PDB file of N, CA and C in Angstrom:
ATOM      1  N   MET A   1      -5.987   2.313   6.676  1.00  0.00           N
ATOM      2  CA  MET A   1      -6.533   3.100   7.241  1.00  0.00           C
ATOM      3  C   MET A   1      -6.044   4.319   8.484  1.00  0.00           C
ATOM      4  N   ASP A   2      -5.048   4.671   8.152  1.00  0.00           N
ATOM      5  CA  ASP A   2      -3.996   5.186   9.441  1.00  0.00           C
ATOM      6  C   ASP A   2      -4.132   6.795   9.119  1.00  0.00           C
ATOM      7  N   ARG A   3      -4.768   7.049   8.891  1.00  0.00           N
ATOM      8  CA  ARG A   3      -5.227   8.326   8.132  1.00  0.00           C
ATOM      9  C   ARG A   3      -5.484   9.249   9.988  1.00  0.00           C
ATOM     10  N   GLY A   4      -5.756   8.641  10.824  1.00  0.00           N
ATOM     11  CA  GLY A   4      -6.611  10.122  12.186  1.00  0.00           C
ATOM     12  C   GLY A   4      -8.171  10.123  11.181  1.00  0.00           C
ATOM     13  N   GLY A   5      -8.819   9.243  10.624  1.00  0.00           N
ATOM     14  CA  GLY A   5      -9.881   9.382  10.718  1.00  0.00           C
ATOM     15  C   GLY A   5     -10.434  10.501   9.384  1.00  0.00           C
ATOM     16  N   GLN A   6      -9.982  10.519   8.467  1.00  0.00           N
ATOM     17  CA  GLN A   6     -10.202  11.774   7.581  1.00  0.00           C
ATOM     18  C   GLN A   6      -9.819  10.237   5.843  1.00  0.00           C
ATOM     19  N   ALA A   7     -10.582  10.585   5.354  1.00  0.00           N
ATOM     20  CA  ALA A   7     -10.534  10.362   4.099  1.00  0.00           C
ATOM     21  C   ALA A   7      -9.438  10.485   3.230  1.00  0.00           C
ATOM     22  N   PRO A   8      -8.653   9.916   2.516  1.00  0.00           N
ATOM     23  CA  PRO A   8      -7.816  10.133   1.760  1.00  0.00           C
ATOM     24  C   PRO A   8      -8.308  11.797   0.650  1.00  0.00           C
ATOM     25  N   PRO A   9      -7.816  12.658   0.784  1.00  0.00           N
ATOM     26  CA  PRO A   9      -8.304  14.051   0.129  1.00  0.00           C
ATOM     27  C   PRO A   9      -8.297  13.763  -1.697  1.00  0.00           C
ATOM     28  N   PHE A  10      -7.744  12.798  -2.279  1.00  0.00           N
ATOM     29  CA  PHE A  10      -8.114  12.567  -3.799  1.00  0.00           C
ATOM     30  C   PHE A  10      -9.630  11.968  -4.028  1.00  0.00           C
ATOM     31  N   LEU A  11     -10.043  11.737  -2.737  1.00  0.00           N
ATOM     32  CA  LEU A  11     -11.406  11.112  -2.723  1.00  0.00           C
ATOM     33  C   LEU A  11     -12.296  11.821  -2.580  1.00  0.00           C
ATOM     34  N   HIS A  12     -12.185  13.188  -2.120  1.00  0.00           N
ATOM     35  CA  HIS A  12     -12.671  13.765  -1.882  1.00  0.00           C
ATOM     36  C   HIS A  12     -13.055  15.606  -2.236  1.00  0.00           C
ATOM     37  N   SER A  13     -11.599  15.883  -2.999  1.00  0.00           N
ATOM     38  CA  SER A  13     -11.185  17.069  -3.800  1.00  0.00           C
ATOM     39  C   SER A  13     -11.996  18.453  -2.944  1.00  0.00           C
ATOM     40  N   GLU A  14     -13.261  18.683  -3.479  1.00  0.00           N
ATOM     41  CA  GLU A  14     -14.128  19.600  -3.011  1.00  0.00           C
ATOM     42  C   GLU A  14     -15.011  19.671  -2.353  1.00  0.00           C
ATOM     43  N   ASN A  15     -15.863  18.247  -2.388  1.00  0.00           N
ATOM     44  CA  ASN A  15     -17.125  18.123  -2.340  1.00  0.00           C
ATOM     45  C   ASN A  15     -16.803  17.693  -0.816  1.00  0.00           C
ATOM     46  N   HIS A  16     -17.291  18.316   0.361  1.00  0.00           N
ATOM     47  CA  HIS A  16     -17.210  18.292   2.090  1.00  0.00           C
ATOM     48  C   HIS A  16     -18.480  17.458   1.894  1.00  0.00           C
ATOM     49  N   SER A  17     -19.343  17.562   1.332  1.00  0.00           N
ATOM     50  CA  SER A  17     -20.115  16.542   2.031  1.00  0.00           C
ATOM     51  C   SER A  17     -19.599  15.102   1.830  1.00  0.00           C
ATOM     52  N   PHE A  18     -18.833  14.469   1.223  1.00  0.00           N
ATOM     53  CA  PHE A  18     -18.804  13.189   1.019  1.00  0.00           C
ATOM     54  C   PHE A  18     -17.337  13.237   1.918  1.00  0.00           C
ATOM     55  N   LYS A  19     -16.492  14.303   1.805  1.00  0.00           N
ATOM     56  CA  LYS A  19     -15.383  14.160   3.514  1.00  0.00           C
ATOM     57  C   LYS A  19     -16.324  14.244   4.253  1.00  0.00           C
ATOM     58  N   ASN A  20     -17.246  14.825   4.885  1.00  0.00           N
ATOM     59  CA  ASN A  20     -17.966  15.204   6.050  1.00  0.00           C
ATOM     60  C   ASN A  20     -18.268  13.446   6.257  1.00  0.00           C
ATOM     61  N   TYR A  21     -19.129  12.438   4.891  1.00  0.00           N
ATOM     62  CA  TYR A  21     -19.650  11.300   5.426  1.00  0.00           C
ATOM     63  C   TYR A  21     -18.423  10.413   5.617  1.00  0.00           C
ATOM     64  N   ALA A  22     -17.393  10.277   4.702  1.00  0.00           N
ATOM     65  CA  ALA A  22     -16.097   9.255   4.330  1.00  0.00           C
ATOM     66  C   ALA A  22     -15.606   9.255   5.862  1.00  0.00           C
ATOM     67  N   SER A  23     -15.424  10.936   6.192  1.00  0.00           N
ATOM     68  CA  SER A  23     -14.977  10.805   7.924  1.00  0.00           C
ATOM     69  C   SER A  23     -15.702  10.146   8.881  1.00  0.00           C
ATOM     70  N   LYS A  24     -16.954  10.191   8.803  1.00  0.00           N
ATOM     71  CA  LYS A  24     -17.710   9.187   9.951  1.00  0.00           C
ATOM     72  C   LYS A  24     -17.191   7.963   9.684  1.00  0.00           C
ATOM     73  N   PHE A  25     -17.860   7.835   8.532  1.00  0.00           N
ATOM     74  CA  PHE A  25     -17.767   6.173   8.357  1.00  0.00           C
ATOM     75  C   PHE A  25     -16.191   5.497   8.929  1.00  0.00           C
ATOM     76  N   LEU A  26     -15.259   6.275   8.289  1.00  0.00           N
ATOM     77  CA  LEU A  26     -13.800   5.682   8.746  1.00  0.00           C
ATOM     78  C   LEU A  26     -13.710   5.939  10.257  1.00  0.00           C
ATOM     79  N   ASP A  27     -14.549   7.005  11.142  1.00  0.00           N
ATOM     80  CA  ASP A  27     -14.550   6.608  12.498  1.00  0.00           C
ATOM     81  C   ASP A  27     -15.115   5.441  13.215  1.00  0.00           C
ATOM     82  N   VAL A  28     -16.087   5.166  12.627  1.00  0.00           N
ATOM     83  CA  VAL A  28     -16.621   4.432  13.165  1.00  0.00           C
ATOM     84  C   VAL A  28     -15.771   2.501  12.848  1.00  0.00           C
ATOM     85  N   ALA A  29     -15.052   2.201  11.444  1.00  0.00           N
ATOM     86  CA  ALA A  29     -14.694   1.116  11.055  1.00  0.00           C
ATOM     87  C   ALA A  29     -13.341   1.428  12.147  1.00  0.00           C
ATOM     88  N   GLU A  30     -13.019   2.679  12.362  1.00  0.00           N
ATOM     89  CA  GLU A  30     -12.021   2.546  13.140  1.00  0.00           C
ATOM     90  C   GLU A  30     -12.063   2.063  14.811  1.00  0.00           C
ATOM     91  N   LEU A  31     -12.975   2.470  15.001  1.00  0.00           N
ATOM     92  CA  LEU A  31     -13.671   2.008  16.594  1.00  0.00           C
ATOM     93  C   LEU A  31     -14.133   0.807  16.386  1.00  0.00           C
ATOM     94  N   LEU A  32     -14.565  -0.156  15.517  1.00  0.00           N
ATOM     95  CA  LEU A  32     -15.013  -0.911  15.363  1.00  0.00           C
ATOM     96  C   LEU A  32     -13.654  -2.005  15.551  1.00  0.00           C
ATOM     97  N   LYS A  33     -12.358  -1.741  14.730  1.00  0.00           N
ATOM     98  CA  LYS A  33     -11.590  -2.312  14.607  1.00  0.00           C
ATOM     99  C   LYS A  33     -10.478  -2.426  15.830  1.00  0.00           C
ATOM    100  N   ASP A  34     -10.485  -1.563  17.355  1.00  0.00           N
ATOM    101  CA  ASP A  34     -10.477  -1.464  18.395  1.00  0.00           C
ATOM    102  C   ASP A  34     -11.216  -0.504  19.174  1.00  0.00           C
ATOM    103  N   PRO A  35     -11.979  -1.282  19.594  1.00  0.00           N
ATOM    104  CA  PRO A  35     -13.261  -0.741  20.632  1.00  0.00           C
ATOM    105  C   PRO A  35     -12.676   0.041  21.839  1.00  0.00           C
ATOM    106  N   LYS A  36     -11.320  -0.611  22.736  1.00  0.00           N
ATOM    107  CA  LYS A  36     -11.201   0.052  23.461  1.00  0.00           C
ATOM    108  C   LYS A  36     -10.061   0.773  23.325  1.00  0.00           C
ATOM    109  N   THR A  37     -10.464   2.092  22.716  1.00  0.00           N
ATOM    110  CA  THR A  37      -9.314   2.488  22.568  1.00  0.00           C
ATOM    111  C   THR A  37      -9.187   3.425  23.264  1.00  0.00           C
ATOM    112  N   SER A  38      -8.021   4.019  23.376  1.00  0.00           N
ATOM    113  CA  SER A  38      -7.380   5.245  24.524  1.00  0.00           C
ATOM    114  C   SER A  38      -7.654   6.572  24.086  1.00  0.00           C
ATOM    115  N   ARG A  39      -7.349   7.366  25.028  1.00  0.00           N
ATOM    116  CA  ARG A  39      -7.828   8.910  24.363  1.00  0.00           C
ATOM    117  C   ARG A  39      -7.207   9.354  23.665  1.00  0.00           C
ATOM    118  N   PRO A  40      -8.369   9.789  22.504  1.00  0.00           N
ATOM    119  CA  PRO A  40      -7.230  10.341  21.097  1.00  0.00           C
ATOM    120  C   PRO A  40      -6.520  11.439  21.529  1.00  0.00           C
ATOM    121  N   ALA A  41      -5.416  11.766  20.217  1.00  0.00           N
ATOM    122  CA  ALA A  41      -4.349  12.212  20.662  1.00  0.00           C
ATOM    123  C   ALA A  41      -4.840  13.888  20.371  1.00  0.00           C
ATOM    124  N   LEU A  42      -3.770  14.959  21.193  1.00  0.00           N
ATOM    125  CA  LEU A  42      -4.225  16.431  20.825  1.00  0.00           C
ATOM    126  C   LEU A  42      -3.717  16.101  19.488  1.00  0.00           C
ATOM    127  N   SER A  43      -4.640  17.492  18.806  1.00  0.00           N
ATOM    128  CA  SER A  43      -4.209  17.809  17.390  1.00  0.00           C
ATOM    129  C   SER A  43      -5.435  18.982  17.342  1.00  0.00           C
ATOM    130  N   PRO A  44      -4.438  20.012  16.263  1.00  0.00           N
ATOM    131  CA  PRO A  44      -5.892  21.416  15.708  1.00  0.00           C
ATOM    132  C   PRO A  44      -6.797  20.376  15.523  1.00  0.00           C
ATOM    133  N   ASP A  45      -6.311  19.094  14.613  1.00  0.00           N
ATOM    134  CA  ASP A  45      -7.306  18.966  13.240  1.00  0.00           C
ATOM    135  C   ASP A  45      -8.246  17.828  14.059  1.00  0.00           C
ATOM    136  N   LEU A  46      -8.308  17.765  14.872  1.00  0.00           N
ATOM    137  CA  LEU A  46      -9.607  17.028  15.748  1.00  0.00           C
ATOM    138  C   LEU A  46     -10.828  16.924  15.131  1.00  0.00           C
ATOM    139  N   ARG A  47     -11.211  18.839  14.702  1.00  0.00           N
ATOM    140  CA  ARG A  47     -12.614  18.835  14.693  1.00  0.00           C
ATOM    141  C   ARG A  47     -13.272  17.744  12.998  1.00  0.00           C
ATOM    142  N   ASN A  48     -14.052  17.468  12.989  1.00  0.00           N
ATOM    143  CA  ASN A  48     -14.825  16.672  11.897  1.00  0.00           C
ATOM    144  C   ASN A  48     -16.356  16.928  11.461  1.00  0.00           C
ATOM    145  N   GLY A  49     -16.041  18.358  11.048  1.00  0.00           N
ATOM    146  CA  GLY A  49     -17.645  18.692  10.118  1.00  0.00           C
ATOM    147  C   GLY A  49     -18.495  19.625  10.978  1.00  0.00           C
ATOM    148  N   TYR A  50     -19.188  19.287  11.122  1.00  0.00           N
ATOM    149  CA  TYR A  50     -20.226  19.834  12.691  1.00  0.00           C
ATOM    150  C   TYR A  50     -20.384  19.644  13.731  1.00  0.00           C
ATOM    151  N   GLU A  51     -19.742  18.247  14.000  1.00  0.00           N
ATOM    152  CA  GLU A  51     -20.053  18.021  15.140  1.00  0.00           C
ATOM    153  C   GLU A  51     -18.921  17.477  16.061  1.00  0.00           C
ATOM    154  N   MET A  52     -18.791  16.887  17.313  1.00  0.00           N
ATOM    155  CA  MET A  52     -17.233  16.346  17.860  1.00  0.00           C
ATOM    156  C   MET A  52     -17.114  14.979  17.006  1.00  0.00           C
ATOM    157  N   PRO A  53     -15.972  14.557  17.230  1.00  0.00           N
ATOM    158  CA  PRO A  53     -15.498  13.422  16.221  1.00  0.00           C
ATOM    159  C   PRO A  53     -15.830  12.077  17.411  1.00  0.00           C
ATOM    160  N   LEU A  54     -16.310  10.917  16.699  1.00  0.00           N
ATOM    161  CA  LEU A  54     -17.088   9.917  17.599  1.00  0.00           C
ATOM    162  C   LEU A  54     -15.809   9.438  18.339  1.00  0.00           C
ATOM    163  N   SER A  55     -14.592   9.427  18.537  1.00  0.00           N
ATOM    164  CA  SER A  55     -13.538   8.892  18.924  1.00  0.00           C
ATOM    165  C   SER A  55     -13.464   9.863  20.678  1.00  0.00           C
ATOM    166  N   VAL A  56     -13.764  10.831  20.190  1.00  0.00           N
ATOM    167  CA  VAL A  56     -13.672  11.981  21.215  1.00  0.00           C
ATOM    168  C   VAL A  56     -15.005  11.882  22.497  1.00  0.00           C
ATOM    169  N   ARG A  57     -16.121  11.737  21.660  1.00  0.00           N
ATOM    170  CA  ARG A  57     -17.576  11.799  21.915  1.00  0.00           C
ATOM    171  C   ARG A  57     -17.395   9.700  23.184  1.00  0.00           C
ATOM    172  N   LEU A  58     -16.829   9.064  22.497  1.00  0.00           N
ATOM    173  CA  LEU A  58     -16.655   8.329  23.532  1.00  0.00           C
ATOM    174  C   LEU A  58     -15.545   7.932  24.055  1.00  0.00           C
ATOM    175  N   HIS A  59     -14.767   8.677  23.925  1.00  0.00           N
ATOM    176  CA  HIS A  59     -13.885   8.621  25.249  1.00  0.00           C
ATOM    177  C   HIS A  59     -14.289   9.724  26.244  1.00  0.00           C
ATOM    178  N   LEU A  60     -14.598  10.537  26.083  1.00  0.00           N
ATOM    179  CA  LEU A  60     -15.546  11.703  27.270  1.00  0.00           C
ATOM    180  C   LEU A  60     -16.829  11.117  27.525  1.00  0.00           C
ATOM    181  N   GLY A  61     -17.642  10.320  27.162  1.00  0.00           N
ATOM    182  CA  GLY A  61     -19.055   9.877  27.569  1.00  0.00           C
ATOM    183  C   GLY A  61     -17.949   8.186  28.612  1.00  0.00           C
ATOM    184  N   ARG A  62     -17.423   7.738  28.488  1.00  0.00           N
ATOM    185  CA  ARG A  62     -16.925   6.619  29.291  1.00  0.00           C
ATOM    186  C   ARG A  62     -16.308   7.205  30.550  1.00  0.00           C
ATOM    187  N   LYS A  63     -15.684   8.010  30.336  1.00  0.00           N
ATOM    188  CA  LYS A  63     -15.463   8.380  31.240  1.00  0.00           C
ATOM    189  C   LYS A  63     -16.552   9.635  32.115  1.00  0.00           C
ATOM    190  N   LEU A  64     -17.485  10.273  31.546  1.00  0.00           N
ATOM    191  CA  LEU A  64     -18.660  10.156  32.665  1.00  0.00           C
ATOM    192  C   LEU A  64     -19.597   9.379  32.850  1.00  0.00           C
ATOM    193  N   SER A  65     -19.732   8.412  32.121  1.00  0.00           N
ATOM    194  CA  SER A  65     -20.488   7.244  32.718  1.00  0.00           C
ATOM    195  C   SER A  65     -19.647   6.200  33.609  1.00  0.00           C
ATOM    196  N   SER A  66     -18.581   6.193  34.135  1.00  0.00           N
ATOM    197  CA  SER A  66     -17.498   5.904  34.903  1.00  0.00           C
ATOM    198  C   SER A  66     -17.477   6.890  36.735  1.00  0.00           C
ATOM    199  N   ALA A  67     -18.499   7.708  35.953  1.00  0.00           N
ATOM    200  CA  ALA A  67     -17.986   8.901  37.372  1.00  0.00           C
ATOM    201  C   ALA A  67     -16.651   9.702  37.365  1.00  0.00           C
ATOM    202  N   ALA A  68     -15.780   9.299  36.166  1.00  0.00           N
ATOM    203  CA  ALA A  68     -14.570  10.075  37.154  1.00  0.00           C
ATOM    204  C   ALA A  68     -14.762  11.358  35.813  1.00  0.00           C
ATOM    205  N   SER A  69     -13.369  12.691  36.889  1.00  0.00           N
ATOM    206  CA  SER A  69     -13.788  13.710  36.904  1.00  0.00           C
ATOM    207  C   SER A  69     -12.789  13.868  35.053  1.00  0.00           C
ATOM    208  N   PHE A  70     -13.280  15.065  34.536  1.00  0.00           N
ATOM    209  CA  PHE A  70     -12.041  15.260  33.518  1.00  0.00           C
ATOM    210  C   PHE A  70     -11.236  16.084  34.066  1.00  0.00           C
ATOM    211  N   ASP A  71      -9.607  15.401  33.294  1.00  0.00           N
ATOM    212  CA  ASP A  71      -8.070  15.777  33.762  1.00  0.00           C
ATOM    213  C   ASP A  71      -8.051  16.958  32.624  1.00  0.00           C
ATOM    214  N   GLY A  72      -7.310  17.860  32.430  1.00  0.00           N
ATOM    215  CA  GLY A  72      -6.984  19.126  31.550  1.00  0.00           C
ATOM    216  C   GLY A  72      -6.807  18.687  30.095  1.00  0.00           C
ATOM    217  N   THR A  73      -6.215  17.244  30.333  1.00  0.00           N
ATOM    218  CA  THR A  73      -6.233  16.672  28.878  1.00  0.00           C
ATOM    219  C   THR A  73      -7.342  16.685  27.911  1.00  0.00           C
ATOM    220  N   ASP A  74      -8.314  16.223  28.981  1.00  0.00           N
ATOM    221  CA  ASP A  74      -9.705  16.104  28.714  1.00  0.00           C
ATOM    222  C   ASP A  74     -10.407  17.384  28.138  1.00  0.00           C
ATOM    223  N   ALA A  75     -10.231  18.084  29.006  1.00  0.00           N
ATOM    224  CA  ALA A  75     -10.952  19.496  28.561  1.00  0.00           C
ATOM    225  C   ALA A  75     -10.476  20.225  27.346  1.00  0.00           C
ATOM    226  N   LEU A  76      -8.922  19.910  27.014  1.00  0.00           N
ATOM    227  CA  LEU A  76      -8.220  20.641  25.823  1.00  0.00           C
ATOM    228  C   LEU A  76      -8.661  19.372  24.751  1.00  0.00           C
ATOM    229  N   LEU A  77      -9.071  18.575  25.041  1.00  0.00           N
ATOM    230  CA  LEU A  77      -9.078  17.849  24.088  1.00  0.00           C
ATOM    231  C   LEU A  77     -10.696  17.590  23.627  1.00  0.00           C
ATOM    232  N   TRP A  78     -11.870  18.311  24.563  1.00  0.00           N
ATOM    233  CA  TRP A  78     -12.660  18.478  24.486  1.00  0.00           C
ATOM    234  C   TRP A  78     -13.012  19.865  23.368  1.00  0.00           C
ATOM    235  N   VAL A  79     -12.592  20.748  23.943  1.00  0.00           N
ATOM    236  CA  VAL A  79     -12.256  21.981  22.808  1.00  0.00           C
ATOM    237  C   VAL A  79     -11.388  22.093  21.940  1.00  0.00           C
ATOM    238  N   LEU A  80     -10.914  21.074  21.362  1.00  0.00           N
ATOM    239  CA  LEU A  80     -10.240  21.045  20.128  1.00  0.00           C
ATOM    240  C   LEU A  80     -11.135  20.699  19.728  1.00  0.00           C
ATOM    241  N   SER A  81     -12.084  19.715  19.921  1.00  0.00           N
ATOM    242  CA  SER A  81     -12.583  18.711  18.572  1.00  0.00           C
ATOM    243  C   SER A  81     -14.359  19.734  18.339  1.00  0.00           C
ATOM    244  N   LEU A  82     -14.387  20.366  19.391  1.00  0.00           N
ATOM    245  CA  LEU A  82     -15.383  21.471  19.454  1.00  0.00           C
ATOM    246  C   LEU A  82     -15.858  22.580  17.474  1.00  0.00           C
ATOM    247  N   PRO A  83     -16.885  22.099  16.647  1.00  0.00           N
ATOM    248  CA  PRO A  83     -16.315  22.685  15.632  1.00  0.00           C
ATOM    249  C   PRO A  83     -16.860  24.138  15.741  1.00  0.00           C
ATOM    250  N   ASP A  84     -17.427  24.738  16.833  1.00  0.00           N
ATOM    251  CA  ASP A  84     -17.705  26.139  17.200  1.00  0.00           C
ATOM    252  C   ASP A  84     -16.856  26.806  17.900  1.00  0.00           C
ATOM    253  N   THR A  85     -15.494  25.970  17.762  1.00  0.00           N
ATOM    254  CA  THR A  85     -14.351  26.852  18.272  1.00  0.00           C
ATOM    255  C   THR A  85     -13.210  27.512  17.498  1.00  0.00           C
ATOM    256  N   TYR A  86     -13.860  26.798  16.405  1.00  0.00           N
ATOM    257  CA  TYR A  86     -12.825  27.412  15.116  1.00  0.00           C
ATOM    258  C   TYR A  86     -12.980  28.394  14.082  1.00  0.00           C
ATOM    259  N   PRO A  87     -12.169  29.402  13.807  1.00  0.00           N
ATOM    260  CA  PRO A  87     -13.105  30.501  12.981  1.00  0.00           C
ATOM    261  C   PRO A  87     -13.519  29.837  11.799  1.00  0.00           C
ATOM    262  N   ASP A  88     -14.740  30.231  10.792  1.00  0.00           N
ATOM    263  CA  ASP A  88     -14.814  29.617   9.180  1.00  0.00           C
ATOM    264  C   ASP A  88     -13.589  29.737   8.252  1.00  0.00           C
ATOM    265  N   GLN A  89     -13.622  28.650   7.962  1.00  0.00           N
ATOM    266  CA  GLN A  89     -12.242  28.248   6.722  1.00  0.00           C
ATOM    267  C   GLN A  89     -12.473  29.159   5.002  1.00  0.00           C
TER     268      GLN A  89
END
């Protein structure tokens, strides 16, 4: 399952609905495997459909709940994971 939270392409092909649900399922499975995850790696492929990836939301939520400030990398992580910061494909 080391696919960065993405379903293998042969499973979803052009079925975007399946891709969305499978990616979310893999996000949850990854977090259950290691709940003490660190900050997700920066990547232009972070966005996951119409929502921020669960790993990003969890990381940013943990920082907010501990009253820690976002640093520049957290801000970039936030922007890269927002679905509305990318043009339609």
